[in-house]
């Protein structure tokens, strides 16, 4: 948006220069264009800082997600092992009961 405004202002400067302008007006144009350039540079720097912060946050989130998935996998394995042990115990009880039956 600022870049578009700066380009528009430069186009106006070129038009006014073709028609003729005072040196004071030309200086005002130049100062304003420089002010816009500084603002654009500051916005770009801020954008770069935010981009870096987003990248850091995404990397942190990915690491935490990977750790969560590892814990979930361990939990699933533990649940599966507990269910298997319970099934074996049930089967053992059934076998013992079947052996006692006449």
C-alpha atoms as a PDB file:
ATOM      1  CA  UNK A   1       0.000   0.000   0.000  1.00  0.00           C
ATOM      2  CA  UNK A   2       2.782   2.413   0.882  1.00  0.00           C
ATOM      3  CA  UNK A   3       4.696   1.334  -2.203  1.00  0.00           C
ATOM      4  CA  UNK A   4       1.671   2.060  -4.384  1.00  0.00           C
ATOM      5  CA  UNK A   5       1.294   5.447  -2.732  1.00  0.00           C
ATOM      6  CA  UNK A   6       4.992   6.156  -3.266  1.00  0.00           C
ATOM      7  CA  UNK A   7       4.755   5.189  -6.944  1.00  0.00           C
ATOM      8  CA  UNK A   8       1.685   7.374  -7.368  1.00  0.00           C
ATOM      9  CA  UNK A   9       3.471  10.265  -5.714  1.00  0.00           C
ATOM     10  CA  UNK A  10       6.484   9.791  -8.013  1.00  0.00           C
ATOM     11  CA  UNK A  11       4.195   9.781 -11.039  1.00  0.00           C
ATOM     12  CA  UNK A  12       2.636  13.024  -9.810  1.00  0.00           C
ATOM     13  CA  UNK A  13       6.134  14.446  -9.381  1.00  0.00           C
ATOM     14  CA  UNK A  14       7.029  13.526 -12.958  1.00  0.00           C
ATOM     15  CA  UNK A  15       3.815  15.106 -14.250  1.00  0.00           C
ATOM     16  CA  UNK A  16       4.378  18.269 -12.241  1.00  0.00           C
ATOM     17  CA  UNK A  17       8.007  18.460 -13.384  1.00  0.00           C
ATOM     18  CA  UNK A  18       6.899  18.265 -17.017  1.00  0.00           C
ATOM     19  CA  UNK A  19       4.539  21.168 -16.410  1.00  0.00           C
ATOM     20  CA  UNK A  20       7.181  23.044 -14.426  1.00  0.00           C
ATOM     21  CA  UNK A  21       7.478  23.505 -10.680  1.00  0.00           C
ATOM     22  CA  UNK A  22       9.316  25.557  -8.119  1.00  0.00           C
ATOM     23  CA  UNK A  23      12.402  24.238  -6.398  1.00  0.00           C
ATOM     24  CA  UNK A  24      10.628  24.350  -3.020  1.00  0.00           C
ATOM     25  CA  UNK A  25       7.850  22.163  -4.305  1.00  0.00           C
ATOM     26  CA  UNK A  26      10.392  19.715  -5.781  1.00  0.00           C
ATOM     27  CA  UNK A  27      12.205  19.579  -2.422  1.00  0.00           C
ATOM     28  CA  UNK A  28       8.884  18.872  -0.672  1.00  0.00           C
ATOM     29  CA  UNK A  29       8.191  16.029  -3.089  1.00  0.00           C
ATOM     30  CA  UNK A  30      11.652  14.560  -2.509  1.00  0.00           C
ATOM     31  CA  UNK A  31      11.369  14.814   1.268  1.00  0.00           C
ATOM     32  CA  UNK A  32       7.973  13.158   1.264  1.00  0.00           C
ATOM     33  CA  UNK A  33       9.201  10.363  -1.019  1.00  0.00           C
ATOM     34  CA  UNK A  34      12.153   9.805   1.338  1.00  0.00           C
ATOM     35  CA  UNK A  35       9.768   9.690   4.296  1.00  0.00           C
ATOM     36  CA  UNK A  36       7.703   7.072   2.490  1.00  0.00           C
ATOM     37  CA  UNK A  37      10.873   5.105   1.712  1.00  0.00           C
ATOM     38  CA  UNK A  38      11.837   5.109   5.402  1.00  0.00           C
ATOM     39  CA  UNK A  39       8.357   3.913   6.365  1.00  0.00           C
ATOM     40  CA  UNK A  40       8.520   1.156   3.740  1.00  0.00           C
ATOM     41  CA  UNK A  41      11.950   0.073   5.010  1.00  0.00           C
ATOM     42  CA  UNK A  42      10.681  -0.008   8.603  1.00  0.00           C
ATOM     43  CA  UNK A  43       7.667  -2.086   7.586  1.00  0.00           C
ATOM     44  CA  UNK A  44       9.893  -4.526   5.722  1.00  0.00           C
ATOM     45  CA  UNK A  45      12.143  -4.878   8.759  1.00  0.00           C
ATOM     46  CA  UNK A  46       9.123  -5.442  10.994  1.00  0.00           C
ATOM     47  CA  UNK A  47       7.779  -8.013   8.557  1.00  0.00           C
ATOM     48  CA  UNK A  48      11.128  -9.830   8.585  1.00  0.00           C
ATOM     49  CA  UNK A  49      11.121  -9.872  12.394  1.00  0.00           C
ATOM     50  CA  UNK A  50       7.578 -11.231  12.487  1.00  0.00           C
ATOM     51  CA  UNK A  51       8.454 -13.840   9.877  1.00  0.00           C
ATOM     52  CA  UNK A  52      11.393 -14.991  11.999  1.00  0.00           C
ATOM     53  CA  UNK A  53       9.181 -15.175  15.096  1.00  0.00           C
ATOM     54  CA  UNK A  54       6.579 -17.187  13.195  1.00  0.00           C
ATOM     55  CA  UNK A  55       9.283 -19.566  11.944  1.00  0.00           C
ATOM     56  CA  UNK A  56      10.609 -20.036  15.480  1.00  0.00           C
ATOM     57  CA  UNK A  57       7.095 -20.641  16.816  1.00  0.00           C
ATOM     58  CA  UNK A  58       6.342 -23.135  14.028  1.00  0.00           C
ATOM     59  CA  UNK A  59       9.545 -25.047  14.711  1.00  0.00           C
ATOM     60  CA  UNK A  60       8.737 -25.151  18.415  1.00  0.00           C
ATOM     61  CA  UNK A  61       5.193 -26.320  17.667  1.00  0.00           C
ATOM     62  CA  UNK A  62       6.496 -29.050  15.333  1.00  0.00           C
ATOM     63  CA  UNK A  63       8.914 -30.304  18.006  1.00  0.00           C
ATOM     64  CA  UNK A  64       6.165 -30.378  20.628  1.00  0.00           C
ATOM     65  CA  UNK A  65       3.788 -32.103  18.222  1.00  0.00           C
ATOM     66  CA  UNK A  66       6.428 -34.723  17.486  1.00  0.00           C
ATOM     67  CA  UNK A  67       6.955 -35.310  21.222  1.00  0.00           C
ATOM     68  CA  UNK A  68       3.201 -35.587  21.734  1.00  0.00           C
ATOM     69  CA  UNK A  69       2.952 -38.140  18.946  1.00  0.00           C
ATOM     70  CA  UNK A  70       5.796 -40.129  20.523  1.00  0.00           C
ATOM     71  CA  UNK A  71       3.987 -40.140  23.881  1.00  0.00           C
ATOM     72  CA  UNK A  72       0.725 -41.124  22.210  1.00  0.00           C
ATOM     73  CA  UNK A  73       2.484 -44.013  20.479  1.00  0.00           C
ATOM     74  CA  UNK A  74       3.930 -45.172  23.807  1.00  0.00           C
ATOM     75  CA  UNK A  75       0.502 -44.889  25.421  1.00  0.00           C
ATOM     76  CA  UNK A  76      -1.082 -46.931  22.626  1.00  0.00           C
ATOM     77  CA  UNK A  77       1.594 -49.606  22.990  1.00  0.00           C
ATOM     78  CA  UNK A  78       1.055 -49.710  26.753  1.00  0.00           C
ATOM     79  CA  UNK A  79      -2.712 -49.995  26.308  1.00  0.00           C
ATOM     80  CA  UNK A  80      -2.269 -52.759  23.746  1.00  0.00           C
ATOM     81  CA  UNK A  81       0.140 -54.619  26.051  1.00  0.00           C
ATOM     82  CA  UNK A  82      -2.264 -54.274  29.004  1.00  0.00           C
ATOM     83  CA  UNK A  83      -5.182 -55.547  26.904  1.00  0.00           C
ATOM     84  CA  UNK A  84      -3.087 -58.473  25.671  1.00  0.00           C
ATOM     85  CA  UNK A  85      -2.084 -59.348  29.247  1.00  0.00           C
ATOM     86  CA  UNK A  86      -5.724 -59.150  30.346  1.00  0.00           C
ATOM     87  CA  UNK A  87      -6.803 -61.385  27.461  1.00  0.00           C
ATOM     88  CA  UNK A  88      -4.102 -63.927  28.343  1.00  0.00           C
ATOM     89  CA  UNK A  89      -5.229 -63.931  31.973  1.00  0.00           C
ATOM     90  CA  UNK A  90      -8.855 -64.422  30.902  1.00  0.00           C
ATOM     91  CA  UNK A  91      -7.808 -67.246  28.596  1.00  0.00           C
ATOM     92  CA  UNK A  92      -5.812 -68.877  31.401  1.00  0.00           C
ATOM     93  CA  UNK A  93      -8.833 -68.695  33.738  1.00  0.00           C
ATOM     94  CA  UNK A  94     -11.061 -70.173  31.030  1.00  0.00           C
ATOM     95  CA  UNK A  95      -8.574 -72.994  30.437  1.00  0.00           C
ATOM     96  CA  UNK A  96      -8.382 -73.743  34.172  1.00  0.00           C
ATOM     97  CA  UNK A  97     -12.170 -73.697  34.419  1.00  0.00           C
ATOM     98  CA  UNK A  98     -12.461 -76.009  31.416  1.00  0.00           C
ATOM     99  CA  UNK A  99      -9.995 -78.474  32.970  1.00  0.00           C
ATOM    100  CA  UNK A 100     -12.053 -78.650  36.187  1.00  0.00           C
ATOM    101  CA  UNK A 101     -15.310 -79.340  34.414  1.00  0.00           C
ATOM    102  CA  UNK A 102     -16.337 -83.039  34.484  1.00  0.00           C
END
